[in-house]
Amino acid sequence: RALAAAALVFLACGCAQGRPGSVGAAGPTSAGPTASAARIAVLADQYLAIAIPANHRLDTEVDGFTDHERDDLAAAESDLQAEAGTERSFDLRLTKIGFPPEIAGIARTLVLANQSRIALTDREARSASIAELRSFNSQHRAADDAVEVQVRLIRRALGLPPPSDS
């Protein structure tokens, strides 16, 4: 489950590094000519405004799950339900950002990857036993990896540094 925590950190914690002061030649290449550097900077700020608080909530929820997954099924399931709720809220807010088409496609793919992870988390939260709950670990890691790929892409497109591993 430590990998799940790392994945959630990828969702936003790299944002704690903040956004570079300007988006120049090293900035987003996928945004193309349709989005100015100033517009990308505004979009990056909007992304960070939702990603940072979502990451803090997810961090707490994953920590709770990690504490409970071995000996308290009801608490672990509650933690998973909280994770899924935070992820749904992040997705909803992300879809409301007015990205240009080049970045909107990445955002849609991120939401789809996260929705797959949410569906898995929902199934995991209905486990009938600790053993069944823990049987989802490798699937959850794979779902986390799929989300991480998209987070890296959207951060690059927004001129943000890659997520930190801490």
Foldseek 3Di string as FASTA:
>chain_A
DVLLLLLLLQQAVLCVVPFPPWADPQAAPLLPPPADRVRLLVLSVLLNVLSVVLSVQLNVLVVQLVVPLPPPLLSNLVSLVSNLVSLVVSLVSLQPRPRDPSLNVLSVQLNVLSVVLSVLSNVLSPDPDSVSNVVCVVVNSVSSVSNSVSSQNNCRNSRRDRRDSD
